[in-house]
Amino acid sequence: MDGRLYRAAALRPGDGDLCYVGPGGQQAGRVSPHSKDNAQVESVSILKHVPLFADLAAAELEVVAGASRRKTYPRGSIIFYEGDPGDYLLVILKGRVKVSLLGKDRQETIVRILEPPEFLGEIALFDEAPRSATVIALERTEVLEIAREPFMRLVRKQPLIALKVMTQLAKALRRASEQIRTLSMFDVYGRVLRCLLTMALDKGETARARMVIRPRPSIAELAHMVGCERETVSRAMKTLRATGYVTDVERGLAVEERAIRQYLQPTLQNLAAQSDDAIRHAS
């Protein structure tokens, strides 16, 4: 790899094929020698373990598999750009991606980091608007690309899928509200800690005595997520380690109880109070 961002989505392999895409979009070779039929059977097997499709019958899984294709992107490649047509949904099978907003002079804000079995691209599927962010592979990443029209037909037949997508959209909206709160109301230490806590929650950690994040996020990633310079974030992390808010663990970071009490629990209490208010008004 030459160190530059490059686009991998230009390749148009046959349905069901798993292809490796190199710089400039050229096909670097097929990863799977299976026939189209065998590839579809394999895709059905994969879809069974994706939470979004877990409630589908075998025949419905075959419909999704028939409208999908598996693709592999090298580290650093662009999966799609902000402003691209939103004509497919992506399910992450392996690897990690970052969802970013790119500004002038390569300025970048990382909105979120996603890994299996999360999905993305659902907003553009529903409002038919262009992509709202750029998605970049952080490591070698395999995805399942599902075309818009077959997916929307399935949504109309299976309301459970629509409900799961709506749940994902609600979480994204709540996350965006918390991100605005973090950037506008906290200093660099609070921004970094709340960013780490959000990453831990995304990975399924609960607000207990210690929350662990694996793999350990880089200083560059944290800087892009909290809107600060790398040097500022690096100094903040040294202070947070020295004061016991953050501890290094094997291949990761642990956010300690004092940080959770100070920076996470008040937010959870506010959200619970808002939910209680909504229930009272509804009744």
Protein backbone atom coordinates (compact mmCIF):
# COMPACT_ATOMS: atom_id res chain seq x y z
CA MET A 1 0.00 0.00 0.00
CA ASP A 2 1.30 3.47 -0.92
CA GLY A 3 -0.02 5.29 2.19
CA ARG A 4 -2.67 7.28 0.33
CA LEU A 5 -6.42 6.97 0.62
CA TYR A 6 -7.77 5.24 -2.43
CA ARG A 7 -11.18 4.19 -3.56
CA ALA A 8 -12.09 0.53 -3.75
CA ALA A 9 -15.75 0.68 -4.75
CA ALA A 10 -15.21 1.07 -8.47
CA LEU A 11 -15.00 -2.67 -9.06
CA ARG A 12 -18.21 -4.39 -10.19
CA PRO A 13 -17.74 -8.16 -9.70
CA GLY A 14 -20.49 -10.67 -10.26
CA ASP A 15 -23.09 -11.17 -7.55
CA GLY A 16 -21.97 -13.43 -4.75
CA ASP A 17 -18.25 -13.10 -5.55
CA LEU A 18 -15.73 -12.17 -2.90
CA CYS A 19 -13.11 -9.91 -4.49
CA TYR A 20 -10.01 -8.11 -3.32
CA VAL A 21 -9.82 -4.52 -4.54
CA GLY A 22 -6.50 -2.74 -4.94
CA PRO A 23 -5.46 0.90 -5.45
CA GLY A 24 -7.31 2.57 -8.31
CA GLY A 25 -10.13 0.03 -8.10
CA GLN A 26 -8.42 -2.77 -10.04
CA GLN A 27 -9.20 -6.34 -9.12
CA ALA A 28 -6.17 -7.86 -7.44
CA GLY A 29 -7.54 -11.39 -7.59
CA ARG A 30 -10.47 -13.41 -6.38
CA VAL A 31 -10.30 -14.42 -2.77
CA SER A 32 -12.87 -17.21 -3.09
CA PRO A 33 -12.88 -19.84 -5.86
CA HIS A 34 -16.49 -20.86 -5.12
CA SER A 35 -19.15 -20.88 -7.79
CA LYS A 36 -21.96 -18.35 -7.62
CA ASP A 37 -24.33 -20.94 -6.08
CA ASN A 38 -21.84 -21.96 -3.40
CA ALA A 39 -21.09 -18.30 -2.64
CA GLN A 40 -24.79 -17.61 -2.11
CA VAL A 41 -25.08 -20.55 0.29
CA GLU A 42 -22.10 -19.17 2.17
CA SER A 43 -23.68 -15.69 2.27
CA VAL A 44 -26.90 -17.16 3.72
CA SER A 45 -24.84 -18.82 6.46
CA ILE A 46 -23.16 -15.49 7.24
CA LEU A 47 -26.45 -13.57 7.29
CA LYS A 48 -27.88 -15.91 9.93
CA HIS A 49 -25.37 -14.49 12.40
CA VAL A 50 -25.99 -10.81 11.57
CA PRO A 51 -28.42 -9.37 14.18
CA LEU A 52 -30.22 -7.26 11.57
CA PHE A 53 -31.34 -10.42 9.74
CA ALA A 54 -31.48 -12.89 12.62
CA ASP A 55 -35.30 -13.21 12.56
CA LEU A 56 -35.61 -13.98 8.83
CA ALA A 57 -36.71 -17.34 7.45
CA ALA A 58 -34.34 -19.30 5.22
CA ALA A 59 -36.17 -18.23 2.03
CA GLU A 60 -35.90 -14.56 3.02
CA LEU A 61 -32.22 -14.94 3.80
CA GLU A 62 -31.76 -16.34 0.29
CA VAL A 63 -33.43 -13.20 -1.12
CA VAL A 64 -30.99 -11.00 0.78
CA ALA A 65 -28.02 -13.15 -0.22
CA GLY A 66 -29.09 -13.04 -3.87
CA ALA A 67 -29.13 -9.23 -3.75
CA SER A 68 -25.75 -8.97 -2.03
CA ARG A 69 -22.08 -9.37 -2.76
CA ARG A 70 -19.10 -9.74 -0.48
CA LYS A 71 -16.17 -7.41 -0.99
CA THR A 72 -12.81 -6.98 0.70
CA TYR A 73 -11.12 -3.61 1.11
CA PRO A 74 -7.44 -3.10 1.99
CA ARG A 75 -6.49 -0.93 4.96
CA GLY A 76 -6.82 2.77 4.16
CA SER A 77 -9.17 2.39 1.19
CA ILE A 78 -12.28 4.52 0.72
CA ILE A 79 -15.44 2.41 0.86
CA PHE A 80 -17.59 5.35 -0.14
CA TYR A 81 -17.37 9.14 -0.09
CA GLU A 82 -19.70 11.70 1.41
CA GLY A 83 -22.00 12.76 -1.44
CA ASP A 84 -21.97 9.38 -3.21
CA PRO A 85 -25.32 7.81 -4.18
CA GLY A 86 -26.78 5.78 -1.31
CA ASP A 87 -27.91 2.73 -3.24
CA TYR A 88 -26.75 -0.07 -0.94
CA LEU A 89 -26.47 -1.11 2.71
CA LEU A 90 -23.19 -2.41 4.13
CA VAL A 91 -22.84 -5.08 6.80
CA ILE A 92 -19.35 -5.39 8.29
CA LEU A 93 -18.19 -9.00 8.37
CA LYS A 94 -14.52 -8.57 9.32
CA GLY A 95 -12.23 -5.67 10.18
CA ARG A 96 -13.02 -2.10 11.26
CA VAL A 97 -14.06 1.09 9.48
CA LYS A 98 -14.28 4.73 10.48
CA VAL A 99 -17.12 7.05 9.54
CA SER A 100 -15.57 10.47 8.91
CA LEU A 101 -16.36 14.00 7.86
CA LEU A 102 -13.55 15.36 5.68
CA GLY A 103 -12.88 19.10 5.48
CA LYS A 104 -10.39 21.33 3.74
CA ASP A 105 -6.67 20.52 3.92
CA ARG A 106 -7.47 16.90 4.87
CA GLN A 107 -9.09 18.02 8.13
CA GLU A 108 -10.99 15.04 9.53
CA THR A 109 -13.60 14.47 12.22
CA ILE A 110 -14.25 10.82 13.09
CA VAL A 111 -17.93 10.37 13.84
CA ARG A 112 -17.72 6.71 14.78
CA ILE A 113 -15.66 3.53 14.46
CA LEU A 114 -17.61 0.41 13.48
CA GLU A 115 -16.80 -3.30 13.54
CA PRO A 116 -18.69 -6.61 13.03
CA PRO A 117 -21.60 -7.18 13.03
CA GLU A 118 -22.60 -3.52 12.70
CA PHE A 119 -24.12 -2.07 9.55
CA LEU A 120 -24.01 1.33 7.90
CA GLY A 121 -25.49 3.27 5.01
CA GLU A 122 -29.08 2.90 6.24
CA ILE A 123 -29.85 6.65 6.26
CA ALA A 124 -29.37 7.07 2.52
CA LEU A 125 -31.45 3.95 1.83
CA PHE A 126 -34.51 5.51 3.42
CA ASP A 127 -34.30 9.16 2.34
CA GLU A 128 -32.61 8.47 -1.04
CA ALA A 129 -30.21 11.36 -0.38
CA PRO A 130 -26.44 11.13 -0.99
CA ARG A 131 -24.12 9.62 1.59
CA SER A 132 -23.78 11.84 4.66
CA ALA A 133 -20.17 10.84 5.52
CA THR A 134 -17.06 9.15 4.14
CA VAL A 135 -16.25 5.58 5.26
CA ILE A 136 -12.63 4.37 5.35
CA ALA A 137 -11.23 0.91 6.16
CA LEU A 138 -9.00 1.01 9.26
CA GLU A 139 -7.71 -2.48 8.52
CA ARG A 140 -8.35 -5.16 5.94
CA THR A 141 -12.14 -5.24 5.98
CA GLU A 142 -14.74 -7.56 4.50
CA VAL A 143 -18.29 -6.31 3.96
CA LEU A 144 -21.58 -7.56 2.59
CA GLU A 145 -23.06 -5.04 0.16
CA ILE A 146 -26.86 -5.28 -0.17
CA ALA A 147 -28.63 -3.46 -3.01
CA ARG A 148 -31.27 -0.87 -2.07
CA GLU A 149 -34.37 -2.10 -3.93
CA PRO A 150 -34.32 -5.75 -2.78
CA PHE A 151 -33.59 -4.59 0.77
CA MET A 152 -36.51 -2.13 0.76
CA ARG A 153 -38.86 -4.83 -0.58
CA LEU A 154 -37.79 -7.04 2.30
CA VAL A 155 -38.36 -4.20 4.80
CA ARG A 156 -41.93 -3.82 3.55
CA LYS A 157 -42.52 -7.54 4.08
CA GLN A 158 -40.65 -7.78 7.38
CA PRO A 159 -41.44 -4.89 9.77
CA LEU A 160 -38.98 -6.34 12.31
CA ILE A 161 -36.11 -5.28 10.05
CA ALA A 162 -37.53 -1.76 9.82
CA LEU A 163 -37.79 -1.67 13.61
CA LYS A 164 -34.14 -2.69 13.98
CA VAL A 165 -33.04 -0.01 11.52
CA MET A 166 -35.16 2.58 13.37
CA THR A 167 -33.51 1.53 16.62
CA GLN A 168 -30.11 2.06 15.02
CA LEU A 169 -31.16 5.51 13.77
CA ALA A 170 -32.45 6.46 17.25
CA LYS A 171 -29.14 5.41 18.79
CA ALA A 172 -27.28 7.48 16.20
CA LEU A 173 -29.41 10.54 16.99
CA ARG A 174 -28.86 10.12 20.73
CA ARG A 175 -25.15 9.64 20.13
CA ALA A 176 -25.01 12.82 18.04
CA SER A 177 -26.70 14.76 20.87
CA GLU A 178 -24.15 13.46 23.35
CA GLN A 179 -21.32 14.30 20.95
CA ILE A 180 -22.56 17.90 20.72
CA ARG A 181 -22.72 18.03 24.52
CA THR A 182 -19.16 16.69 24.78
CA LEU A 183 -17.68 19.16 22.29
CA SER A 184 -19.49 22.19 23.68
CA MET A 185 -19.45 21.61 27.47
CA PHE A 186 -16.21 19.81 28.39
CA ASP A 187 -12.48 20.52 28.43
CA VAL A 188 -10.02 18.23 26.67
CA TYR A 189 -9.93 15.76 29.60
CA GLY A 190 -13.71 15.46 29.65
CA ARG A 191 -13.85 15.15 25.87
CA VAL A 192 -11.31 12.31 25.83
CA LEU A 193 -12.94 10.44 28.71
CA ARG A 194 -16.46 10.76 27.30
CA CYS A 195 -15.17 9.63 23.91
CA LEU A 196 -13.57 6.55 25.49
CA LEU A 197 -16.71 5.80 27.49
CA THR A 198 -18.85 6.05 24.35
CA MET A 199 -16.53 3.64 22.56
CA ALA A 200 -16.84 1.22 25.49
CA LEU A 201 -20.65 1.43 25.41
CA ASP A 202 -20.59 0.80 21.65
CA LYS A 203 -18.70 -2.43 22.30
CA GLY A 204 -21.34 -3.62 24.75
CA GLU A 205 -19.62 -2.64 28.00
CA THR A 206 -21.92 -1.62 30.87
CA ALA A 207 -21.42 1.23 33.33
CA ARG A 208 -19.67 -0.77 36.04
CA ALA A 209 -16.50 -0.30 38.07
CA ARG A 210 -14.25 -0.49 34.99
CA MET A 211 -14.97 -0.31 31.25
CA VAL A 212 -12.46 -1.83 28.81
CA ILE A 213 -11.86 -0.85 25.18
CA ARG A 214 -10.11 -3.20 22.75
CA PRO A 215 -8.25 -2.62 20.56
CA ARG A 216 -6.59 0.42 22.12
CA PRO A 217 -7.53 3.55 20.11
CA SER A 218 -4.61 5.55 18.75
CA ILE A 219 -3.90 9.14 19.75
CA ALA A 220 -4.65 10.19 16.16
CA GLU A 221 -8.08 8.51 16.25
CA LEU A 222 -8.96 10.14 19.56
CA ALA A 223 -7.80 13.54 18.32
CA HIS A 224 -10.04 13.28 15.25
CA MET A 225 -12.99 12.24 17.41
CA VAL A 226 -12.72 15.03 20.01
CA GLY A 227 -11.65 17.86 17.72
CA CYS A 228 -8.23 18.53 19.30
CA GLU A 229 -4.61 18.43 18.15
CA ARG A 230 -2.70 15.17 18.61
CA GLU A 231 -0.22 16.79 20.98
CA THR A 232 -3.05 18.08 23.16
CA VAL A 233 -4.69 14.65 23.33
CA SER A 234 -1.35 12.96 24.00
CA ARG A 235 -0.69 15.26 26.98
CA ALA A 236 -4.25 14.73 28.23
CA MET A 237 -3.85 10.93 28.10
CA LYS A 238 -0.61 11.13 30.08
CA THR A 239 -2.41 13.15 32.77
CA LEU A 240 -5.41 10.78 32.80
CA ARG A 241 -3.10 7.78 33.23
CA ALA A 242 -1.12 9.53 35.98
CA THR A 243 -4.29 10.44 37.90
CA GLY A 244 -5.86 6.99 37.62
CA TYR A 245 -8.75 7.82 35.33
CA VAL A 246 -7.39 5.54 32.58
CA THR A 247 -5.27 2.39 32.88
CA ASP A 248 -3.47 0.38 30.22
CA VAL A 249 -4.54 -3.26 29.90
CA GLU A 250 -3.46 -5.95 27.47
CA ARG A 251 -4.19 -4.70 23.92
CA GLY A 252 -6.52 -2.04 25.27
CA LEU A 253 -7.49 0.69 27.71
CA ALA A 254 -9.58 0.58 30.88
CA VAL A 255 -11.63 3.60 31.95
CA GLU A 256 -11.79 3.47 35.74
CA GLU A 257 -14.72 3.93 38.12
CA ARG A 258 -13.96 7.54 39.04
CA ALA A 259 -14.24 8.55 35.38
CA ILE A 260 -17.50 6.64 34.99
CA ARG A 261 -19.00 8.35 38.06
CA GLN A 262 -17.94 11.80 36.89
CA TYR A 263 -18.46 11.68 33.14
CA LEU A 264 -20.95 8.92 32.30
CA GLN A 265 -23.43 8.29 35.11
CA PRO A 266 -24.86 11.86 35.16
CA THR A 267 -25.64 11.52 31.45
CA LEU A 268 -27.35 8.15 31.96
CA GLN A 269 -29.41 9.64 34.80
CA ASN A 270 -30.46 12.56 32.59
CA LEU A 271 -31.52 10.17 29.82
CA ALA A 272 -33.52 8.07 32.29
CA ALA A 273 -35.25 11.18 33.65
CA GLN A 274 -36.14 12.28 30.11
CA SER A 275 -37.60 8.84 29.39
CA ASP A 276 -39.68 8.98 32.58
CA ASP A 277 -40.99 12.44 31.62
CA ALA A 278 -41.96 11.17 28.17
CA ILE A 279 -43.86 8.24 29.69
CA ARG A 280 -45.74 10.52 32.10
CA HIS A 281 -46.72 12.91 29.30
CA ALA A 282 -47.83 10.01 27.10
CA SER A 283 -50.09 8.66 29.85
